[in-house]
Amino acid sequence: MQQRGFNCPYQLGNCKDNPSVAQEMEINIEKDDILIVETDGMLDNVNESEIEEIVRRGMDEKLKAEELASQIGNIALYNSFDRFADTP
């Protein structure tokens, strides 16, 4: 994760941060690999173990990537409003 310091990620395009500060990377992937690109909002509201569980269930149920993304996003949204949620 690219950030200035703890819990202070770059805000690309929304303030002083320019997209030119974004890190570019090249990743080798193979057939059937799963790549999850996350925002700080998701990382703040969903534990990695929850994401892994959703992906494993989704693979068992043969869900499409869009369906998995929707499920993960919905949990992040729900947790963001839940004052008692155990989040990262």
PDB file of N, CA and C in Angstrom:
ATOM      1  N   MET A   1       0.853  -1.165   0.000  1.00  0.00           N
ATOM      2  CA  MET A   1       0.000   0.000   0.000  1.00  0.00           C
ATOM      3  C   MET A   1       0.900   1.230   0.000  1.00  0.00           C
ATOM      4  N   GLN A   2       0.546   2.178  -0.798  1.00  0.00           N
ATOM      5  CA  GLN A   2       1.291   3.428  -0.842  1.00  0.00           C
ATOM      6  C   GLN A   2       0.681   4.422   0.123  1.00  0.00           C
ATOM      7  N   GLN A   3       1.501   4.910   1.032  1.00  0.00           N
ATOM      8  CA  GLN A   3       0.996   5.870   2.000  1.00  0.00           C
ATOM      9  C   GLN A   3       2.129   6.749   2.517  1.00  0.00           C
ATOM     10  N   ARG A   4       1.740   7.906   2.994  1.00  0.00           N
ATOM     11  CA  ARG A   4       2.712   8.849   3.585  1.00  0.00           C
ATOM     12  C   ARG A   4       3.208   8.354   4.930  1.00  0.00           C
ATOM     13  N   GLY A   5       2.325   7.741   5.690  1.00  0.00           N
ATOM     14  CA  GLY A   5       2.601   7.228   7.019  1.00  0.00           C
ATOM     15  C   GLY A   5       1.458   6.344   7.431  1.00  0.00           C
ATOM     16  N   PHE A   6       1.499   5.864   8.676  1.00  0.00           N
ATOM     17  CA  PHE A   6       0.448   4.966   9.157  1.00  0.00           C
ATOM     18  C   PHE A   6      -0.934   5.582   8.962  1.00  0.00           C
ATOM     19  N   ASN A   7      -1.800   4.825   8.310  1.00  0.00           N
ATOM     20  CA  ASN A   7      -3.198   5.204   8.102  1.00  0.00           C
ATOM     21  C   ASN A   7      -3.354   6.532   7.352  1.00  0.00           C
ATOM     22  N   CYS A   8      -2.397   6.841   6.510  1.00  0.00           N
ATOM     23  CA  CYS A   8      -2.454   8.084   5.723  1.00  0.00           C
ATOM     24  C   CYS A   8      -2.065   7.782   4.274  1.00  0.00           C
ATOM     25  N   PRO A   9      -2.980   7.136   3.523  1.00  0.00           N
ATOM     26  CA  PRO A   9      -2.663   6.788   2.133  1.00  0.00           C
ATOM     27  C   PRO A   9      -2.676   8.023   1.237  1.00  0.00           C
ATOM     28  N   TYR A  10      -2.000   7.886   0.119  1.00  0.00           N
ATOM     29  CA  TYR A  10      -2.063   8.948  -0.879  1.00  0.00           C
ATOM     30  C   TYR A  10      -3.508   9.127  -1.339  1.00  0.00           C
ATOM     31  N   GLN A  11      -3.878  10.332  -1.652  1.00  0.00           N
ATOM     32  CA  GLN A  11      -5.216  10.643  -2.152  1.00  0.00           C
ATOM     33  C   GLN A  11      -5.072  11.083  -3.609  1.00  0.00           C
ATOM     34  N   LEU A  12      -4.883  10.129  -4.472  1.00  0.00           N
ATOM     35  CA  LEU A  12      -4.620  10.433  -5.875  1.00  0.00           C
ATOM     36  C   LEU A  12      -5.810  11.106  -6.531  1.00  0.00           C
ATOM     37  N   GLY A  13      -5.578  12.300  -7.044  1.00  0.00           N
ATOM     38  CA  GLY A  13      -6.601  13.028  -7.771  1.00  0.00           C
ATOM     39  C   GLY A  13      -7.563  13.806  -6.908  1.00  0.00           C
ATOM     40  N   ASN A  14      -7.529  13.653  -5.587  1.00  0.00           N
ATOM     41  CA  ASN A  14      -8.491  14.331  -4.727  1.00  0.00           C
ATOM     42  C   ASN A  14      -7.915  15.515  -3.956  1.00  0.00           C
ATOM     43  N   CYS A  15      -6.632  15.676  -3.942  1.00  0.00           N
ATOM     44  CA  CYS A  15      -6.028  16.800  -3.218  1.00  0.00           C
ATOM     45  C   CYS A  15      -4.674  17.106  -3.830  1.00  0.00           C
ATOM     46  N   LYS A  16      -3.679  17.353  -3.008  1.00  0.00           N
ATOM     47  CA  LYS A  16      -2.361  17.714  -3.510  1.00  0.00           C
ATOM     48  C   LYS A  16      -1.642  16.572  -4.216  1.00  0.00           C
ATOM     49  N   ASP A  17      -2.017  15.348  -3.936  1.00  0.00           N
ATOM     50  CA  ASP A  17      -1.321  14.215  -4.529  1.00  0.00           C
ATOM     51  C   ASP A  17      -1.642  14.109  -6.016  1.00  0.00           C
ATOM     52  N   ASN A  18      -0.606  13.963  -6.785  1.00  0.00           N
ATOM     53  CA  ASN A  18      -0.727  13.845  -8.227  1.00  0.00           C
ATOM     54  C   ASN A  18      -0.621  12.372  -8.602  1.00  0.00           C
ATOM     55  N   PRO A  19      -1.400  11.911  -9.568  1.00  0.00           N
ATOM     56  CA  PRO A  19      -1.304  10.501  -9.964  1.00  0.00           C
ATOM     57  C   PRO A  19       0.106  10.072 -10.365  1.00  0.00           C
ATOM     58  N   SER A  20       0.976  11.028 -10.662  1.00  0.00           N
ATOM     59  CA  SER A  20       2.344  10.657 -11.034  1.00  0.00           C
ATOM     60  C   SER A  20       3.106  10.045  -9.856  1.00  0.00           C
ATOM     61  N   VAL A  21       2.618  10.211  -8.613  1.00  0.00           N
ATOM     62  CA  VAL A  21       3.292   9.602  -7.464  1.00  0.00           C
ATOM     63  C   VAL A  21       2.886   8.139  -7.283  1.00  0.00           C
ATOM     64  N   ALA A  22       1.921   7.684  -8.055  1.00  0.00           N
ATOM     65  CA  ALA A  22       1.467   6.294  -7.933  1.00  0.00           C
ATOM     66  C   ALA A  22       2.580   5.345  -8.368  1.00  0.00           C
ATOM     67  N   GLN A  23       2.670   4.259  -7.645  1.00  0.00           N
ATOM     68  CA  GLN A  23       3.658   3.242  -7.966  1.00  0.00           C
ATOM     69  C   GLN A  23       3.121   2.361  -9.082  1.00  0.00           C
ATOM     70  N   GLU A  24       3.947   2.112 -10.069  1.00  0.00           N
ATOM     71  CA  GLU A  24       3.571   1.184 -11.128  1.00  0.00           C
ATOM     72  C   GLU A  24       4.283  -0.124 -10.867  1.00  0.00           C
ATOM     73  N   MET A  25       3.579  -1.217 -11.072  1.00  0.00           N
ATOM     74  CA  MET A  25       4.191  -2.518 -10.880  1.00  0.00           C
ATOM     75  C   MET A  25       3.743  -3.478 -11.968  1.00  0.00           C
ATOM     76  N   GLU A  26       4.586  -4.427 -12.213  1.00  0.00           N
ATOM     77  CA  GLU A  26       4.270  -5.469 -13.168  1.00  0.00           C
ATOM     78  C   GLU A  26       4.204  -6.777 -12.398  1.00  0.00           C
ATOM     79  N   ILE A  27       3.110  -7.487 -12.544  1.00  0.00           N
ATOM     80  CA  ILE A  27       2.897  -8.713 -11.793  1.00  0.00           C
ATOM     81  C   ILE A  27       2.630  -9.845 -12.776  1.00  0.00           C
ATOM     82  N   ASN A  28       3.364 -10.924 -12.615  1.00  0.00           N
ATOM     83  CA  ASN A  28       3.121 -12.105 -13.445  1.00  0.00           C
ATOM     84  C   ASN A  28       1.992 -12.904 -12.823  1.00  0.00           C
ATOM     85  N   ILE A  29       0.985 -13.165 -13.604  1.00  0.00           N
ATOM     86  CA  ILE A  29      -0.127 -13.975 -13.131  1.00  0.00           C
ATOM     87  C   ILE A  29      -0.304 -15.166 -14.066  1.00  0.00           C
ATOM     88  N   GLU A  30      -0.954 -16.167 -13.533  1.00  0.00           N
ATOM     89  CA  GLU A  30      -1.216 -17.367 -14.315  1.00  0.00           C
ATOM     90  C   GLU A  30      -2.717 -17.617 -14.351  1.00  0.00           C
ATOM     91  N   LYS A  31      -3.115 -18.471 -15.258  1.00  0.00           N
ATOM     92  CA  LYS A  31      -4.523 -18.826 -15.376  1.00  0.00           C
ATOM     93  C   LYS A  31      -5.059 -19.260 -14.014  1.00  0.00           C
ATOM     94  N   ASP A  32      -6.230 -18.784 -13.685  1.00  0.00           N
ATOM     95  CA  ASP A  32      -6.942 -19.089 -12.452  1.00  0.00           C
ATOM     96  C   ASP A  32      -6.401 -18.374 -11.216  1.00  0.00           C
ATOM     97  N   ASP A  33      -5.378 -17.509 -11.373  1.00  0.00           N
ATOM     98  CA  ASP A  33      -4.950 -16.669 -10.250  1.00  0.00           C
ATOM     99  C   ASP A  33      -6.051 -15.668  -9.940  1.00  0.00           C
ATOM    100  N   ILE A  34      -6.103 -15.242  -8.704  1.00  0.00           N
ATOM    101  CA  ILE A  34      -7.086 -14.237  -8.284  1.00  0.00           C
ATOM    102  C   ILE A  34      -6.324 -13.023  -7.803  1.00  0.00           C
ATOM    103  N   LEU A  35      -6.605 -11.887  -8.406  1.00  0.00           N
ATOM    104  CA  LEU A  35      -5.962 -10.629  -8.065  1.00  0.00           C
ATOM    105  C   LEU A  35      -7.017  -9.716  -7.459  1.00  0.00           C
ATOM    106  N   ILE A  36      -6.764  -9.241  -6.253  1.00  0.00           N
ATOM    107  CA  ILE A  36      -7.700  -8.351  -5.579  1.00  0.00           C
ATOM    108  C   ILE A  36      -7.028  -6.997  -5.416  1.00  0.00           C
ATOM    109  N   VAL A  37      -7.629  -5.983  -5.988  1.00  0.00           N
ATOM    110  CA  VAL A  37      -7.141  -4.612  -5.858  1.00  0.00           C
ATOM    111  C   VAL A  37      -8.054  -3.913  -4.867  1.00  0.00           C
ATOM    112  N   GLU A  38      -7.457  -3.380  -3.804  1.00  0.00           N
ATOM    113  CA  GLU A  38      -8.258  -2.838  -2.707  1.00  0.00           C
ATOM    114  C   GLU A  38      -7.996  -1.358  -2.507  1.00  0.00           C
ATOM    115  N   THR A  39      -8.974  -0.691  -1.977  1.00  0.00           N
ATOM    116  CA  THR A  39      -8.815   0.698  -1.551  1.00  0.00           C
ATOM    117  C   THR A  39      -8.624   0.718  -0.043  1.00  0.00           C
ATOM    118  N   ASP A  40      -8.193   1.856   0.478  1.00  0.00           N
ATOM    119  CA  ASP A  40      -8.043   1.947   1.931  1.00  0.00           C
ATOM    120  C   ASP A  40      -9.386   1.781   2.629  1.00  0.00           C
ATOM    121  N   GLY A  41     -10.472   2.187   1.990  1.00  0.00           N
ATOM    122  CA  GLY A  41     -11.789   2.023   2.583  1.00  0.00           C
ATOM    123  C   GLY A  41     -12.144   0.561   2.787  1.00  0.00           C
ATOM    124  N   MET A  42     -11.768  -0.265   1.841  1.00  0.00           N
ATOM    125  CA  MET A  42     -12.033  -1.681   2.002  1.00  0.00           C
ATOM    126  C   MET A  42     -11.105  -2.268   3.061  1.00  0.00           C
ATOM    127  N   LEU A  43      -9.847  -1.894   3.016  1.00  0.00           N
ATOM    128  CA  LEU A  43      -8.888  -2.418   3.991  1.00  0.00           C
ATOM    129  C   LEU A  43      -9.220  -1.991   5.417  1.00  0.00           C
ATOM    130  N   ASP A  44      -9.880  -0.847   5.563  1.00  0.00           N
ATOM    131  CA  ASP A  44     -10.282  -0.374   6.885  1.00  0.00           C
ATOM    132  C   ASP A  44     -11.490  -1.114   7.427  1.00  0.00           C
ATOM    133  N   ASN A  45     -12.247  -1.777   6.552  1.00  0.00           N
ATOM    134  CA  ASN A  45     -13.540  -2.323   6.967  1.00  0.00           C
ATOM    135  C   ASN A  45     -13.729  -3.815   6.784  1.00  0.00           C
ATOM    136  N   VAL A  46     -12.778  -4.478   6.154  1.00  0.00           N
ATOM    137  CA  VAL A  46     -12.914  -5.923   5.931  1.00  0.00           C
ATOM    138  C   VAL A  46     -11.584  -6.594   6.266  1.00  0.00           C
ATOM    139  N   ASN A  47     -11.645  -7.605   7.110  1.00  0.00           N
ATOM    140  CA  ASN A  47     -10.442  -8.362   7.451  1.00  0.00           C
ATOM    141  C   ASN A  47     -10.022  -9.244   6.282  1.00  0.00           C
ATOM    142  N   GLU A  48      -8.713  -9.460   6.159  1.00  0.00           N
ATOM    143  CA  GLU A  48      -8.214 -10.313   5.076  1.00  0.00           C
ATOM    144  C   GLU A  48      -8.840 -11.699   5.139  1.00  0.00           C
ATOM    145  N   SER A  49      -9.033 -12.212   6.341  1.00  0.00           N
ATOM    146  CA  SER A  49      -9.618 -13.550   6.475  1.00  0.00           C
ATOM    147  C   SER A  49     -11.043 -13.589   5.924  1.00  0.00           C
ATOM    148  N   GLU A  50     -11.792 -12.479   6.083  1.00  0.00           N
ATOM    149  CA  GLU A  50     -13.147 -12.411   5.520  1.00  0.00           C
ATOM    150  C   GLU A  50     -13.095 -12.435   3.994  1.00  0.00           C
ATOM    151  N   ILE A  51     -12.151 -11.696   3.441  1.00  0.00           N
ATOM    152  CA  ILE A  51     -12.014 -11.658   1.979  1.00  0.00           C
ATOM    153  C   ILE A  51     -11.667 -13.049   1.457  1.00  0.00           C
ATOM    154  N   GLU A  52     -10.722 -13.709   2.120  1.00  0.00           N
ATOM    155  CA  GLU A  52     -10.338 -15.058   1.704  1.00  0.00           C
ATOM    156  C   GLU A  52     -11.532 -16.008   1.749  1.00  0.00           C
ATOM    157  N   GLU A  53     -12.330 -15.902   2.800  1.00  0.00           N
ATOM    158  CA  GLU A  53     -13.504 -16.760   2.939  1.00  0.00           C
ATOM    159  C   GLU A  53     -14.508 -16.508   1.813  1.00  0.00           C
ATOM    160  N   ILE A  54     -14.758 -15.248   1.505  1.00  0.00           N
ATOM    161  CA  ILE A  54     -15.696 -14.908   0.428  1.00  0.00           C
ATOM    162  C   ILE A  54     -15.193 -15.452  -0.904  1.00  0.00           C
ATOM    163  N   VAL A  55     -13.893 -15.301  -1.156  1.00  0.00           N
ATOM    164  CA  VAL A  55     -13.327 -15.773  -2.423  1.00  0.00           C
ATOM    165  C   VAL A  55     -13.407 -17.294  -2.501  1.00  0.00           C
ATOM    166  N   ARG A  56     -13.070 -17.965  -1.419  1.00  0.00           N
ATOM    167  CA  ARG A  56     -13.144 -19.440  -1.429  1.00  0.00           C
ATOM    168  C   ARG A  56     -14.579 -19.926  -1.688  1.00  0.00           C
ATOM    169  N   ARG A  57     -15.536 -19.314  -0.980  1.00  0.00           N
ATOM    170  CA  ARG A  57     -16.944 -19.680  -1.198  1.00  0.00           C
ATOM    171  C   ARG A  57     -17.361 -19.381  -2.632  1.00  0.00           C
ATOM    172  N   GLY A  58     -16.942 -18.212  -3.127  1.00  0.00           N
ATOM    173  CA  GLY A  58     -17.284 -17.828  -4.489  1.00  0.00           C
ATOM    174  C   GLY A  58     -16.724 -18.777  -5.526  1.00  0.00           C
ATOM    175  N   MET A  59     -15.505 -19.253  -5.273  1.00  0.00           N
ATOM    176  CA  MET A  59     -14.921 -20.225  -6.200  1.00  0.00           C
ATOM    177  C   MET A  59     -15.711 -21.530  -6.176  1.00  0.00           C
ATOM    178  N   ASP A  60     -16.101 -21.959  -4.968  1.00  0.00           N
ATOM    179  CA  ASP A  60     -16.899 -23.188  -4.849  1.00  0.00           C
ATOM    180  C   ASP A  60     -18.235 -23.051  -5.575  1.00  0.00           C
ATOM    181  N   GLU A  61     -18.798 -21.833  -5.500  1.00  0.00           N
ATOM    182  CA  GLU A  61     -20.096 -21.582  -6.135  1.00  0.00           C
ATOM    183  C   GLU A  61     -19.968 -21.111  -7.579  1.00  0.00           C
ATOM    184  N   LYS A  62     -18.732 -21.026  -8.056  1.00  0.00           N
ATOM    185  CA  LYS A  62     -18.442 -20.600  -9.430  1.00  0.00           C
ATOM    186  C   LYS A  62     -19.014 -19.210  -9.746  1.00  0.00           C
ATOM    187  N   LEU A  63     -18.853 -18.292  -8.783  1.00  0.00           N
ATOM    188  CA  LEU A  63     -19.322 -16.921  -8.986  1.00  0.00           C
ATOM    189  C   LEU A  63     -18.391 -16.185  -9.947  1.00  0.00           C
ATOM    190  N   LYS A  64     -18.940 -15.213 -10.631  1.00  0.00           N
ATOM    191  CA  LYS A  64     -18.148 -14.354 -11.509  1.00  0.00           C
ATOM    192  C   LYS A  64     -17.391 -13.335 -10.660  1.00  0.00           C
ATOM    193  N   ALA A  65     -16.338 -12.783 -11.227  1.00  0.00           N
ATOM    194  CA  ALA A  65     -15.525 -11.788 -10.523  1.00  0.00           C
ATOM    195  C   ALA A  65     -16.376 -10.614 -10.049  1.00  0.00           C
ATOM    196  N   GLU A  66     -17.316 -10.187 -10.879  1.00  0.00           N
ATOM    197  CA  GLU A  66     -18.173  -9.056 -10.517  1.00  0.00           C
ATOM    198  C   GLU A  66     -19.016  -9.369  -9.284  1.00  0.00           C
ATOM    199  N   GLU A  67     -19.465 -10.619  -9.189  1.00  0.00           N
ATOM    200  CA  GLU A  67     -20.272 -11.017  -8.036  1.00  0.00           C
ATOM    201  C   GLU A  67     -19.433 -11.048  -6.764  1.00  0.00           C
ATOM    202  N   LEU A  68     -18.199 -11.536  -6.877  1.00  0.00           N
ATOM    203  CA  LEU A  68     -17.299 -11.539  -5.722  1.00  0.00           C
ATOM    204  C   LEU A  68     -17.002 -10.111  -5.276  1.00  0.00           C
ATOM    205  N   ALA A  69     -16.691  -9.248  -6.233  1.00  0.00           N
ATOM    206  CA  ALA A  69     -16.389  -7.847  -5.909  1.00  0.00           C
ATOM    207  C   ALA A  69     -17.577  -7.190  -5.227  1.00  0.00           C
ATOM    208  N   SER A  70     -18.763  -7.480  -5.691  1.00  0.00           N
ATOM    209  CA  SER A  70     -19.975  -6.912  -5.102  1.00  0.00           C
ATOM    210  C   SER A  70     -20.159  -7.398  -3.668  1.00  0.00           C
ATOM    211  N   GLN A  71     -19.949  -8.671  -3.426  1.00  0.00           N
ATOM    212  CA  GLN A  71     -20.092  -9.205  -2.074  1.00  0.00           C
ATOM    213  C   GLN A  71     -19.086  -8.562  -1.117  1.00  0.00           C
ATOM    214  N   ILE A  72     -17.828  -8.462  -1.552  1.00  0.00           N
ATOM    215  CA  ILE A  72     -16.797  -7.859  -0.705  1.00  0.00           C
ATOM    216  C   ILE A  72     -17.111  -6.382  -0.454  1.00  0.00           C
ATOM    217  N   GLY A  73     -17.510  -5.679  -1.491  1.00  0.00           N
ATOM    218  CA  GLY A  73     -17.857  -4.265  -1.356  1.00  0.00           C
ATOM    219  C   GLY A  73     -19.041  -4.048  -0.426  1.00  0.00           C
ATOM    220  N   ASN A  74     -20.035  -4.927  -0.515  1.00  0.00           N
ATOM    221  CA  ASN A  74     -21.204  -4.800   0.359  1.00  0.00           C
ATOM    222  C   ASN A  74     -20.837  -5.030   1.822  1.00  0.00           C
ATOM    223  N   ILE A  75     -19.944  -5.973   2.083  1.00  0.00           N
ATOM    224  CA  ILE A  75     -19.519  -6.201   3.465  1.00  0.00           C
ATOM    225  C   ILE A  75     -18.734  -5.001   3.977  1.00  0.00           C
ATOM    226  N   ALA A  76     -17.868  -4.438   3.143  1.00  0.00           N
ATOM    227  CA  ALA A  76     -17.116  -3.242   3.551  1.00  0.00           C
ATOM    228  C   ALA A  76     -18.071  -2.093   3.873  1.00  0.00           C
ATOM    229  N   LEU A  77     -19.067  -1.911   3.044  1.00  0.00           N
ATOM    230  CA  LEU A  77     -20.044  -0.842   3.277  1.00  0.00           C
ATOM    231  C   LEU A  77     -20.819  -1.092   4.566  1.00  0.00           C
ATOM    232  N   TYR A  78     -21.311  -2.302   4.730  1.00  0.00           N
ATOM    233  CA  TYR A  78     -22.073  -2.636   5.932  1.00  0.00           C
ATOM    234  C   TYR A  78     -21.226  -2.405   7.185  1.00  0.00           C
ATOM    235  N   ASN A  79     -19.985  -2.911   7.170  1.00  0.00           N
ATOM    236  CA  ASN A  79     -19.108  -2.761   8.328  1.00  0.00           C
ATOM    237  C   ASN A  79     -18.785  -1.301   8.621  1.00  0.00           C
ATOM    238  N   SER A  80     -18.731  -0.487   7.582  1.00  0.00           N
ATOM    239  CA  SER A  80     -18.389   0.925   7.790  1.00  0.00           C
ATOM    240  C   SER A  80     -19.456   1.656   8.600  1.00  0.00           C
ATOM    241  N   PHE A  81     -20.686   1.153   8.568  1.00  0.00           N
ATOM    242  CA  PHE A  81     -21.779   1.770   9.322  1.00  0.00           C
ATOM    243  C   PHE A  81     -22.018   1.111  10.683  1.00  0.00           C
ATOM    244  N   ASP A  82     -21.377  -0.038  10.896  1.00  0.00           N
ATOM    245  CA  ASP A  82     -21.598  -0.792  12.130  1.00  0.00           C
ATOM    246  C   ASP A  82     -20.571  -0.386  13.187  1.00  0.00           C
ATOM    247  N   ARG A  83     -21.016   0.367  14.178  1.00  0.00           N
ATOM    248  CA  ARG A  83     -20.111   0.868  15.224  1.00  0.00           C
ATOM    249  C   ARG A  83     -19.458  -0.266  16.013  1.00  0.00           C
ATOM    250  N   PHE A  84     -20.073  -1.434  16.012  1.00  0.00           N
ATOM    251  CA  PHE A  84     -19.576  -2.543  16.819  1.00  0.00           C
ATOM    252  C   PHE A  84     -18.840  -3.597  16.002  1.00  0.00           C
ATOM    253  N   ALA A  85     -18.678  -3.362  14.708  1.00  0.00           N
ATOM    254  CA  ALA A  85     -17.998  -4.327  13.853  1.00  0.00           C
ATOM    255  C   ALA A  85     -16.526  -4.435  14.262  1.00  0.00           C
ATOM    256  N   ASP A  86     -16.021  -5.664  14.255  1.00  0.00           N
ATOM    257  CA  ASP A  86     -14.605  -5.907  14.556  1.00  0.00           C
ATOM    258  C   ASP A  86     -13.839  -5.789  13.248  1.00  0.00           C
ATOM    259  N   THR A  87     -13.307  -4.610  12.990  1.00  0.00           N
ATOM    260  CA  THR A  87     -12.634  -4.355  11.713  1.00  0.00           C
ATOM    261  C   THR A  87     -11.150  -4.073  11.948  1.00  0.00           C
ATOM    262  N   PRO A  88     -10.362  -4.147  10.876  1.00  0.00           N
ATOM    263  CA  PRO A  88      -8.908  -3.926  11.021  1.00  0.00           C
ATOM    264  C   PRO A  88      -8.511  -2.625  11.644  1.00  0.00           C
TER     265      PRO A  88
END
